[in-house]
Amino acid sequence: MSKVALQVTLEARPGKEKEVEQFLREGVNIARGEQGTRSWFALRFGPRKFGIFDTFDDETGRQAHVGGELAKALFARAEELFSTAPQIEQIDILAEKHS
């Protein structure tokens, strides 16, 4: 079972919504290569509000992701794509269900 997660909230700059969406769609390819990332979701909450939710077996996997290529790419383009800095929350998972 995954024990920890990250929730990242992103607000696209006006006019950058399509670029943010494309960045997130391509991000899954990087996430697939991360050994410790168990699940990774790119989300759209509204016209300019996006998010990422990912899960990990343990803190080691989460920290590897935070220091990994996807996080580097996100922060390298943050000023260009987002109206505010990405909001990152570290979450403990209490239970999960898979189909």
PDB file of N, CA and C in Angstrom:
ATOM      1  N   MET A   1       0.832  -1.185   0.000  1.00  0.00           N
ATOM      2  CA  MET A   1       0.000   0.000   0.000  1.00  0.00           C
ATOM      3  C   MET A   1       0.875   1.246   0.000  1.00  0.00           C
ATOM      4  N   SER A   2       0.459   2.231  -0.778  1.00  0.00           N
ATOM      5  CA  SER A   2       1.121   3.526  -0.732  1.00  0.00           C
ATOM      6  C   SER A   2       0.844   4.160   0.619  1.00  0.00           C
ATOM      7  N   LYS A   3       1.878   4.762   1.193  1.00  0.00           N
ATOM      8  CA  LYS A   3       1.728   5.345   2.527  1.00  0.00           C
ATOM      9  C   LYS A   3       1.771   6.871   2.533  1.00  0.00           C
ATOM     10  N   VAL A   4       2.374   7.464   1.503  1.00  0.00           N
ATOM     11  CA  VAL A   4       2.493   8.917   1.442  1.00  0.00           C
ATOM     12  C   VAL A   4       2.164   9.414   0.036  1.00  0.00           C
ATOM     13  N   ALA A   5       1.843  10.725  -0.049  1.00  0.00           N
ATOM     14  CA  ALA A   5       1.455  11.310  -1.333  1.00  0.00           C
ATOM     15  C   ALA A   5       1.882  12.770  -1.388  1.00  0.00           C
ATOM     16  N   LEU A   6       1.754  13.325  -2.565  1.00  0.00           N
ATOM     17  CA  LEU A   6       1.919  14.757  -2.783  1.00  0.00           C
ATOM     18  C   LEU A   6       0.691  15.263  -3.522  1.00  0.00           C
ATOM     19  N   GLN A   7       0.245  16.438  -3.137  1.00  0.00           N
ATOM     20  CA  GLN A   7      -0.810  17.131  -3.865  1.00  0.00           C
ATOM     21  C   GLN A   7      -0.249  18.492  -4.254  1.00  0.00           C
ATOM     22  N   VAL A   8      -0.243  18.762  -5.539  1.00  0.00           N
ATOM     23  CA  VAL A   8       0.304  20.019  -6.055  1.00  0.00           C
ATOM     24  C   VAL A   8      -0.830  20.767  -6.754  1.00  0.00           C
ATOM     25  N   THR A   9      -1.044  22.015  -6.355  1.00  0.00           N
ATOM     26  CA  THR A   9      -2.059  22.857  -6.969  1.00  0.00           C
ATOM     27  C   THR A   9      -1.358  23.909  -7.825  1.00  0.00           C
ATOM     28  N   LEU A  10      -1.849  24.071  -9.052  1.00  0.00           N
ATOM     29  CA  LEU A  10      -1.234  24.963 -10.027  1.00  0.00           C
ATOM     30  C   LEU A  10      -2.288  25.884 -10.622  1.00  0.00           C
ATOM     31  N   GLU A  11      -1.963  27.158 -10.743  1.00  0.00           N
ATOM     32  CA  GLU A  11      -2.865  28.103 -11.408  1.00  0.00           C
ATOM     33  C   GLU A  11      -2.165  28.669 -12.635  1.00  0.00           C
ATOM     34  N   ALA A  12      -2.716  28.355 -13.783  1.00  0.00           N
ATOM     35  CA  ALA A  12      -2.114  28.789 -15.044  1.00  0.00           C
ATOM     36  C   ALA A  12      -2.225  30.301 -15.208  1.00  0.00           C
ATOM     37  N   ARG A  13      -1.202  30.884 -15.784  1.00  0.00           N
ATOM     38  CA  ARG A  13      -1.283  32.293 -16.171  1.00  0.00           C
ATOM     39  C   ARG A  13      -2.370  32.413 -17.248  1.00  0.00           C
ATOM     40  N   PRO A  14      -3.062  33.538 -17.312  1.00  0.00           N
ATOM     41  CA  PRO A  14      -4.041  33.725 -18.385  1.00  0.00           C
ATOM     42  C   PRO A  14      -3.380  33.529 -19.756  1.00  0.00           C
ATOM     43  N   GLY A  15      -4.010  32.723 -20.580  1.00  0.00           N
ATOM     44  CA  GLY A  15      -3.488  32.447 -21.914  1.00  0.00           C
ATOM     45  C   GLY A  15      -2.509  31.277 -21.974  1.00  0.00           C
ATOM     46  N   LYS A  16      -2.135  30.715 -20.823  1.00  0.00           N
ATOM     47  CA  LYS A  16      -1.170  29.603 -20.783  1.00  0.00           C
ATOM     48  C   LYS A  16      -1.835  28.262 -20.468  1.00  0.00           C
ATOM     49  N   GLU A  17      -3.161  28.237 -20.440  1.00  0.00           N
ATOM     50  CA  GLU A  17      -3.879  27.026 -20.042  1.00  0.00           C
ATOM     51  C   GLU A  17      -3.535  25.812 -20.918  1.00  0.00           C
ATOM     52  N   LYS A  18      -3.491  26.001 -22.207  1.00  0.00           N
ATOM     53  CA  LYS A  18      -3.180  24.886 -23.123  1.00  0.00           C
ATOM     54  C   LYS A  18      -1.753  24.388 -22.899  1.00  0.00           C
ATOM     55  N   GLU A  19      -0.823  25.293 -22.652  1.00  0.00           N
ATOM     56  CA  GLU A  19       0.562  24.897 -22.406  1.00  0.00           C
ATOM     57  C   GLU A  19       0.689  24.115 -21.099  1.00  0.00           C
ATOM     58  N   VAL A  20      -0.037  24.548 -20.072  1.00  0.00           N
ATOM     59  CA  VAL A  20      -0.018  23.815 -18.800  1.00  0.00           C
ATOM     60  C   VAL A  20      -0.597  22.421 -19.005  1.00  0.00           C
ATOM     61  N   GLU A  21      -1.716  22.337 -19.701  1.00  0.00           N
ATOM     62  CA  GLU A  21      -2.337  21.041 -19.967  1.00  0.00           C
ATOM     63  C   GLU A  21      -1.373  20.118 -20.712  1.00  0.00           C
ATOM     64  N   GLN A  22      -0.706  20.638 -21.724  1.00  0.00           N
ATOM     65  CA  GLN A  22       0.246  19.826 -22.489  1.00  0.00           C
ATOM     66  C   GLN A  22       1.433  19.402 -21.622  1.00  0.00           C
ATOM     67  N   PHE A  23       1.941  20.324 -20.811  1.00  0.00           N
ATOM     68  CA  PHE A  23       3.048  20.001 -19.910  1.00  0.00           C
ATOM     69  C   PHE A  23       2.652  18.837 -18.994  1.00  0.00           C
ATOM     70  N   LEU A  24       1.452  18.898 -18.432  1.00  0.00           N
ATOM     71  CA  LEU A  24       1.004  17.835 -17.530  1.00  0.00           C
ATOM     72  C   LEU A  24       0.782  16.521 -18.277  1.00  0.00           C
ATOM     73  N   ARG A  25       0.216  16.571 -19.469  1.00  0.00           N
ATOM     74  CA  ARG A  25       0.015  15.339 -20.251  1.00  0.00           C
ATOM     75  C   ARG A  25       1.350  14.664 -20.573  1.00  0.00           C
ATOM     76  N   GLU A  26       2.367  15.460 -20.852  1.00  0.00           N
ATOM     77  CA  GLU A  26       3.695  14.903 -21.145  1.00  0.00           C
ATOM     78  C   GLU A  26       4.411  14.459 -19.869  1.00  0.00           C
ATOM     79  N   GLY A  27       4.066  15.052 -18.740  1.00  0.00           N
ATOM     80  CA  GLY A  27       4.710  14.709 -17.474  1.00  0.00           C
ATOM     81  C   GLY A  27       4.548  13.265 -17.073  1.00  0.00           C
ATOM     82  N   VAL A  28       3.459  12.645 -17.489  1.00  0.00           N
ATOM     83  CA  VAL A  28       3.238  11.243 -17.121  1.00  0.00           C
ATOM     84  C   VAL A  28       4.369  10.351 -17.647  1.00  0.00           C
ATOM     85  N   ASN A  29       4.961  10.721 -18.770  1.00  0.00           N
ATOM     86  CA  ASN A  29       6.060   9.912 -19.322  1.00  0.00           C
ATOM     87  C   ASN A  29       7.277   9.927 -18.406  1.00  0.00           C
ATOM     88  N   ILE A  30       7.544  11.055 -17.782  1.00  0.00           N
ATOM     89  CA  ILE A  30       8.648  11.124 -16.824  1.00  0.00           C
ATOM     90  C   ILE A  30       8.285  10.335 -15.572  1.00  0.00           C
ATOM     91  N   ALA A  31       7.058  10.508 -15.090  1.00  0.00           N
ATOM     92  CA  ALA A  31       6.617   9.814 -13.875  1.00  0.00           C
ATOM     93  C   ALA A  31       6.679   8.296 -14.037  1.00  0.00           C
ATOM     94  N   ARG A  32       6.386   7.802 -15.228  1.00  0.00           N
ATOM     95  CA  ARG A  32       6.438   6.347 -15.475  1.00  0.00           C
ATOM     96  C   ARG A  32       7.841   5.784 -15.244  1.00  0.00           C
ATOM     97  N   GLY A  33       8.855   6.603 -15.434  1.00  0.00           N
ATOM     98  CA  GLY A  33      10.223   6.145 -15.257  1.00  0.00           C
ATOM     99  C   GLY A  33      10.732   6.226 -13.823  1.00  0.00           C
ATOM    100  N   GLU A  34       9.934   6.753 -12.926  1.00  0.00           N
ATOM    101  CA  GLU A  34      10.352   6.893 -11.533  1.00  0.00           C
ATOM    102  C   GLU A  34      10.017   5.626 -10.750  1.00  0.00           C
ATOM    103  N   GLN A  35      11.033   4.999 -10.251  1.00  0.00           N
ATOM    104  CA  GLN A  35      10.887   3.729  -9.541  1.00  0.00           C
ATOM    105  C   GLN A  35       9.942   3.829  -8.336  1.00  0.00           C
ATOM    106  N   GLY A  36      10.047   4.896  -7.560  1.00  0.00           N
ATOM    107  CA  GLY A  36       9.288   4.991  -6.322  1.00  0.00           C
ATOM    108  C   GLY A  36       7.916   5.619  -6.444  1.00  0.00           C
ATOM    109  N   THR A  37       7.552   6.114  -7.635  1.00  0.00           N
ATOM    110  CA  THR A  37       6.233   6.712  -7.819  1.00  0.00           C
ATOM    111  C   THR A  37       5.246   5.616  -8.174  1.00  0.00           C
ATOM    112  N   ARG A  38       4.270   5.389  -7.291  1.00  0.00           N
ATOM    113  CA  ARG A  38       3.295   4.306  -7.491  1.00  0.00           C
ATOM    114  C   ARG A  38       2.149   4.726  -8.391  1.00  0.00           C
ATOM    115  N   SER A  39       1.632   5.929  -8.185  1.00  0.00           N
ATOM    116  CA  SER A  39       0.572   6.440  -9.057  1.00  0.00           C
ATOM    117  C   SER A  39       0.806   7.935  -9.258  1.00  0.00           C
ATOM    118  N   TRP A  40       0.366   8.425 -10.408  1.00  0.00           N
ATOM    119  CA  TRP A  40       0.565   9.835 -10.752  1.00  0.00           C
ATOM    120  C   TRP A  40      -0.636  10.291 -11.565  1.00  0.00           C
ATOM    121  N   PHE A  41      -1.257  11.371 -11.142  1.00  0.00           N
ATOM    122  CA  PHE A  41      -2.444  11.891 -11.800  1.00  0.00           C
ATOM    123  C   PHE A  41      -2.248  13.364 -12.130  1.00  0.00           C
ATOM    124  N   ALA A  42      -2.567  13.758 -13.352  1.00  0.00           N
ATOM    125  CA  ALA A  42      -2.629  15.160 -13.744  1.00  0.00           C
ATOM    126  C   ALA A  42      -4.109  15.531 -13.757  1.00  0.00           C
ATOM    127  N   LEU A  43      -4.451  16.663 -13.138  1.00  0.00           N
ATOM    128  CA  LEU A  43      -5.845  17.025 -12.923  1.00  0.00           C
ATOM    129  C   LEU A  43      -6.140  18.425 -13.454  1.00  0.00           C
ATOM    130  N   ARG A  44      -7.387  18.615 -13.833  1.00  0.00           N
ATOM    131  CA  ARG A  44      -7.865  19.961 -14.175  1.00  0.00           C
ATOM    132  C   ARG A  44      -9.126  20.210 -13.353  1.00  0.00           C
ATOM    133  N   PHE A  45      -9.075  21.249 -12.529  1.00  0.00           N
ATOM    134  CA  PHE A  45     -10.193  21.572 -11.644  1.00  0.00           C
ATOM    135  C   PHE A  45     -11.113  22.635 -12.237  1.00  0.00           C
ATOM    136  N   GLY A  46     -10.598  23.422 -13.133  1.00  0.00           N
ATOM    137  CA  GLY A  46     -11.371  24.514 -13.716  1.00  0.00           C
ATOM    138  C   GLY A  46     -10.597  25.143 -14.843  1.00  0.00           C
ATOM    139  N   PRO A  47     -11.068  26.285 -15.346  1.00  0.00           N
ATOM    140  CA  PRO A  47     -10.432  26.892 -16.513  1.00  0.00           C
ATOM    141  C   PRO A  47      -8.930  27.127 -16.364  1.00  0.00           C
ATOM    142  N   ARG A  48      -8.490  27.581 -15.184  1.00  0.00           N
ATOM    143  CA  ARG A  48      -7.062  27.874 -14.991  1.00  0.00           C
ATOM    144  C   ARG A  48      -6.446  27.096 -13.848  1.00  0.00           C
ATOM    145  N   LYS A  49      -7.211  26.288 -13.157  1.00  0.00           N
ATOM    146  CA  LYS A  49      -6.707  25.567 -11.983  1.00  0.00           C
ATOM    147  C   LYS A  49      -6.432  24.103 -12.327  1.00  0.00           C
ATOM    148  N   PHE A  50      -5.181  23.703 -12.094  1.00  0.00           N
ATOM    149  CA  PHE A  50      -4.716  22.350 -12.394  1.00  0.00           C
ATOM    150  C   PHE A  50      -4.101  21.739 -11.141  1.00  0.00           C
ATOM    151  N   GLY A  51      -3.796  20.466 -11.221  1.00  0.00           N
ATOM    152  CA  GLY A  51      -3.150  19.830 -10.089  1.00  0.00           C
ATOM    153  C   GLY A  51      -2.445  18.548 -10.473  1.00  0.00           C
ATOM    154  N   ILE A  52      -1.650  18.087  -9.542  1.00  0.00           N
ATOM    155  CA  ILE A  52      -0.966  16.790  -9.650  1.00  0.00           C
ATOM    156  C   ILE A  52      -1.189  16.081  -8.319  1.00  0.00           C
ATOM    157  N   PHE A  53      -1.511  14.807  -8.397  1.00  0.00           N
ATOM    158  CA  PHE A  53      -1.614  13.979  -7.197  1.00  0.00           C
ATOM    159  C   PHE A  53      -0.816  12.719  -7.476  1.00  0.00           C
ATOM    160  N   ASP A  54       0.138  12.416  -6.615  1.00  0.00           N
ATOM    161  CA  ASP A  54       0.940  11.213  -6.806  1.00  0.00           C
ATOM    162  C   ASP A  54       1.162  10.517  -5.472  1.00  0.00           C
ATOM    163  N   THR A  55       1.351   9.191  -5.548  1.00  0.00           N
ATOM    164  CA  THR A  55       1.502   8.386  -4.341  1.00  0.00           C
ATOM    165  C   THR A  55       2.806   7.602  -4.366  1.00  0.00           C
ATOM    166  N   PHE A  56       3.260   7.259  -3.150  1.00  0.00           N
ATOM    167  CA  PHE A  56       4.552   6.592  -2.968  1.00  0.00           C
ATOM    168  C   PHE A  56       4.439   5.590  -1.825  1.00  0.00           C
ATOM    169  N   ASP A  57       5.246   4.545  -1.880  1.00  0.00           N
ATOM    170  CA  ASP A  57       5.250   3.550  -0.809  1.00  0.00           C
ATOM    171  C   ASP A  57       5.810   4.112   0.490  1.00  0.00           C
ATOM    172  N   ASP A  58       6.744   5.041   0.359  1.00  0.00           N
ATOM    173  CA  ASP A  58       7.421   5.538   1.559  1.00  0.00           C
ATOM    174  C   ASP A  58       8.028   6.913   1.298  1.00  0.00           C
ATOM    175  N   GLU A  59       8.604   7.473   2.337  1.00  0.00           N
ATOM    176  CA  GLU A  59       9.199   8.808   2.251  1.00  0.00           C
ATOM    177  C   GLU A  59      10.379   8.842   1.280  1.00  0.00           C
ATOM    178  N   THR A  60      11.110   7.743   1.160  1.00  0.00           N
ATOM    179  CA  THR A  60      12.243   7.684   0.238  1.00  0.00           C
ATOM    180  C   THR A  60      11.774   7.912  -1.196  1.00  0.00           C
ATOM    181  N   GLY A  61      10.684   7.252  -1.579  1.00  0.00           N
ATOM    182  CA  GLY A  61      10.132   7.433  -2.918  1.00  0.00           C
ATOM    183  C   GLY A  61       9.628   8.839  -3.151  1.00  0.00           C
ATOM    184  N   ARG A  62       8.979   9.396  -2.131  1.00  0.00           N
ATOM    185  CA  ARG A  62       8.462  10.762  -2.264  1.00  0.00           C
ATOM    186  C   ARG A  62       9.614  11.754  -2.435  1.00  0.00           C
ATOM    187  N   GLN A  63      10.662  11.614  -1.651  1.00  0.00           N
ATOM    188  CA  GLN A  63      11.788  12.536  -1.747  1.00  0.00           C
ATOM    189  C   GLN A  63      12.543  12.374  -3.064  1.00  0.00           C
ATOM    190  N   ALA A  64      12.612  11.158  -3.577  1.00  0.00           N
ATOM    191  CA  ALA A  64      13.240  10.947  -4.886  1.00  0.00           C
ATOM    192  C   ALA A  64      12.448  11.689  -5.968  1.00  0.00           C
ATOM    193  N   HIS A  65      11.139  11.653  -5.860  1.00  0.00           N
ATOM    194  CA  HIS A  65      10.285  12.351  -6.825  1.00  0.00           C
ATOM    195  C   HIS A  65      10.456  13.864  -6.710  1.00  0.00           C
ATOM    196  N   VAL A  66      10.469  14.371  -5.490  1.00  0.00           N
ATOM    197  CA  VAL A  66      10.622  15.811  -5.255  1.00  0.00           C
ATOM    198  C   VAL A  66      11.938  16.321  -5.839  1.00  0.00           C
ATOM    199  N   GLY A  67      12.969  15.495  -5.814  1.00  0.00           N
ATOM    200  CA  GLY A  67      14.260  15.885  -6.365  1.00  0.00           C
ATOM    201  C   GLY A  67      14.490  15.397  -7.782  1.00  0.00           C
ATOM    202  N   GLY A  68      13.447  14.844  -8.407  1.00  0.00           N
ATOM    203  CA  GLY A  68      13.592  14.214  -9.713  1.00  0.00           C
ATOM    204  C   GLY A  68      13.375  15.144 -10.893  1.00  0.00           C
ATOM    205  N   GLU A  69      13.390  14.545 -12.069  1.00  0.00           N
ATOM    206  CA  GLU A  69      13.326  15.296 -13.331  1.00  0.00           C
ATOM    207  C   GLU A  69      12.009  16.027 -13.532  1.00  0.00           C
ATOM    208  N   LEU A  70      10.917  15.434 -13.115  1.00  0.00           N
ATOM    209  CA  LEU A  70       9.619  16.085 -13.298  1.00  0.00           C
ATOM    210  C   LEU A  70       9.520  17.341 -12.444  1.00  0.00           C
ATOM    211  N   ALA A  71       9.949  17.259 -11.206  1.00  0.00           N
ATOM    212  CA  ALA A  71       9.935  18.438 -10.333  1.00  0.00           C
ATOM    213  C   ALA A  71      10.851  19.529 -10.882  1.00  0.00           C
ATOM    214  N   LYS A  72      12.008  19.142 -11.383  1.00  0.00           N
ATOM    215  CA  LYS A  72      12.929  20.127 -11.970  1.00  0.00           C
ATOM    216  C   LYS A  72      12.291  20.814 -13.169  1.00  0.00           C
ATOM    217  N   ALA A  73      11.616  20.040 -14.022  1.00  0.00           N
ATOM    218  CA  ALA A  73      10.955  20.614 -15.198  1.00  0.00           C
ATOM    219  C   ALA A  73       9.821  21.542 -14.782  1.00  0.00           C
ATOM    220  N   LEU A  74       9.072  21.152 -13.768  1.00  0.00           N
ATOM    221  CA  LEU A  74       7.973  21.973 -13.278  1.00  0.00           C
ATOM    222  C   LEU A  74       8.475  23.323 -12.787  1.00  0.00           C
ATOM    223  N   PHE A  75       9.494  23.307 -11.953  1.00  0.00           N
ATOM    224  CA  PHE A  75       9.992  24.557 -11.400  1.00  0.00           C
ATOM    225  C   PHE A  75      10.771  25.386 -12.419  1.00  0.00           C
ATOM    226  N   ALA A  76      11.351  24.744 -13.419  1.00  0.00           N
ATOM    227  CA  ALA A  76      12.045  25.490 -14.469  1.00  0.00           C
ATOM    228  C   ALA A  76      11.072  26.334 -15.289  1.00  0.00           C
ATOM    229  N   ARG A  77       9.824  25.871 -15.383  1.00  0.00           N
ATOM    230  CA  ARG A  77       8.830  26.593 -16.188  1.00  0.00           C
ATOM    231  C   ARG A  77       7.776  27.295 -15.343  1.00  0.00           C
ATOM    232  N   ALA A  78       7.928  27.261 -14.033  1.00  0.00           N
ATOM    233  CA  ALA A  78       6.899  27.788 -13.129  1.00  0.00           C
ATOM    234  C   ALA A  78       6.591  29.257 -13.391  1.00  0.00           C
ATOM    235  N   GLU A  79       7.584  30.074 -13.503  1.00  0.00           N
ATOM    236  CA  GLU A  79       7.347  31.513 -13.692  1.00  0.00           C
ATOM    237  C   GLU A  79       6.657  31.792 -15.026  1.00  0.00           C
ATOM    238  N   GLU A  80       7.016  31.026 -16.031  1.00  0.00           N
ATOM    239  CA  GLU A  80       6.423  31.193 -17.365  1.00  0.00           C
ATOM    240  C   GLU A  80       4.954  30.754 -17.403  1.00  0.00           C
ATOM    241  N   LEU A  81       4.648  29.617 -16.762  1.00  0.00           N
ATOM    242  CA  LEU A  81       3.332  29.003 -16.904  1.00  0.00           C
ATOM    243  C   LEU A  81       2.319  29.351 -15.827  1.00  0.00           C
ATOM    244  N   PHE A  82       2.770  29.649 -14.606  1.00  0.00           N
ATOM    245  CA  PHE A  82       1.850  29.770 -13.482  1.00  0.00           C
ATOM    246  C   PHE A  82       1.801  31.179 -12.908  1.00  0.00           C
ATOM    247  N   SER A  83       0.610  31.590 -12.485  1.00  0.00           N
ATOM    248  CA  SER A  83       0.442  32.927 -11.925  1.00  0.00           C
ATOM    249  C   SER A  83       0.891  32.994 -10.467  1.00  0.00           C
ATOM    250  N   THR A  84       0.962  31.854  -9.802  1.00  0.00           N
ATOM    251  CA  THR A  84       1.497  31.765  -8.442  1.00  0.00           C
ATOM    252  C   THR A  84       2.426  30.557  -8.378  1.00  0.00           C
ATOM    253  N   ALA A  85       3.253  30.509  -7.371  1.00  0.00           N
ATOM    254  CA  ALA A  85       4.148  29.353  -7.202  1.00  0.00           C
ATOM    255  C   ALA A  85       3.315  28.086  -6.963  1.00  0.00           C
ATOM    256  N   PRO A  86       3.765  26.940  -7.464  1.00  0.00           N
ATOM    257  CA  PRO A  86       3.054  25.687  -7.184  1.00  0.00           C
ATOM    258  C   PRO A  86       2.907  25.488  -5.675  1.00  0.00           C
ATOM    259  N   GLN A  87       1.704  25.112  -5.268  1.00  0.00           N
ATOM    260  CA  GLN A  87       1.417  24.841  -3.858  1.00  0.00           C
ATOM    261  C   GLN A  87       1.544  23.340  -3.633  1.00  0.00           C
ATOM    262  N   ILE A  88       2.500  22.924  -2.808  1.00  0.00           N
ATOM    263  CA  ILE A  88       2.792  21.511  -2.604  1.00  0.00           C
ATOM    264  C   ILE A  88       2.432  21.112  -1.185  1.00  0.00           C
ATOM    265  N   GLU A  89       1.619  20.068  -1.074  1.00  0.00           N
ATOM    266  CA  GLU A  89       1.246  19.530   0.231  1.00  0.00           C
ATOM    267  C   GLU A  89       1.713  18.082   0.325  1.00  0.00           C
ATOM    268  N   GLN A  90       2.342  17.753   1.444  1.00  0.00           N
ATOM    269  CA  GLN A  90       2.724  16.375   1.714  1.00  0.00           C
ATOM    270  C   GLN A  90       1.587  15.727   2.495  1.00  0.00           C
ATOM    271  N   ILE A  91       1.155  14.566   2.049  1.00  0.00           N
ATOM    272  CA  ILE A  91      -0.030  13.903   2.587  1.00  0.00           C
ATOM    273  C   ILE A  91       0.333  12.507   3.060  1.00  0.00           C
ATOM    274  N   ASP A  92      -0.253  12.097   4.174  1.00  0.00           N
ATOM    275  CA  ASP A  92      -0.161  10.716   4.640  1.00  0.00           C
ATOM    276  C   ASP A  92      -1.423   9.985   4.181  1.00  0.00           C
ATOM    277  N   ILE A  93      -1.273   8.815   3.603  1.00  0.00           N
ATOM    278  CA  ILE A  93      -2.410   8.036   3.127  1.00  0.00           C
ATOM    279  C   ILE A  93      -2.864   7.100   4.245  1.00  0.00           C
ATOM    280  N   LEU A  94      -4.143   7.152   4.563  1.00  0.00           N
ATOM    281  CA  LEU A  94      -4.699   6.304   5.623  1.00  0.00           C
ATOM    282  C   LEU A  94      -5.267   4.995   5.085  1.00  0.00           C
ATOM    283  N   ALA A  95      -5.810   5.017   3.870  1.00  0.00           N
ATOM    284  CA  ALA A  95      -6.373   3.810   3.260  1.00  0.00           C
ATOM    285  C   ALA A  95      -6.438   4.044   1.759  1.00  0.00           C
ATOM    286  N   GLU A  96      -6.479   2.940   1.008  1.00  0.00           N
ATOM    287  CA  GLU A  96      -6.618   3.063  -0.438  1.00  0.00           C
ATOM    288  C   GLU A  96      -7.381   1.865  -0.973  1.00  0.00           C
ATOM    289  N   LYS A  97      -7.941   2.031  -2.170  1.00  0.00           N
ATOM    290  CA  LYS A  97      -8.678   0.960  -2.846  1.00  0.00           C
ATOM    291  C   LYS A  97      -8.278   0.967  -4.312  1.00  0.00           C
ATOM    292  N   HIS A  98      -7.981  -0.177  -4.848  1.00  0.00           N
ATOM    293  CA  HIS A  98      -7.701  -0.345  -6.268  1.00  0.00           C
ATOM    294  C   HIS A  98      -8.728  -1.305  -6.833  1.00  0.00           C
ATOM    295  N   SER A  99      -9.084  -1.113  -8.094  1.00  0.00           N
ATOM    296  CA  SER A  99     -10.040  -2.054  -8.697  1.00  0.00           C
ATOM    297  C   SER A  99      -9.328  -3.236  -9.290  1.00  0.00           C
TER     298      SER A  99
END
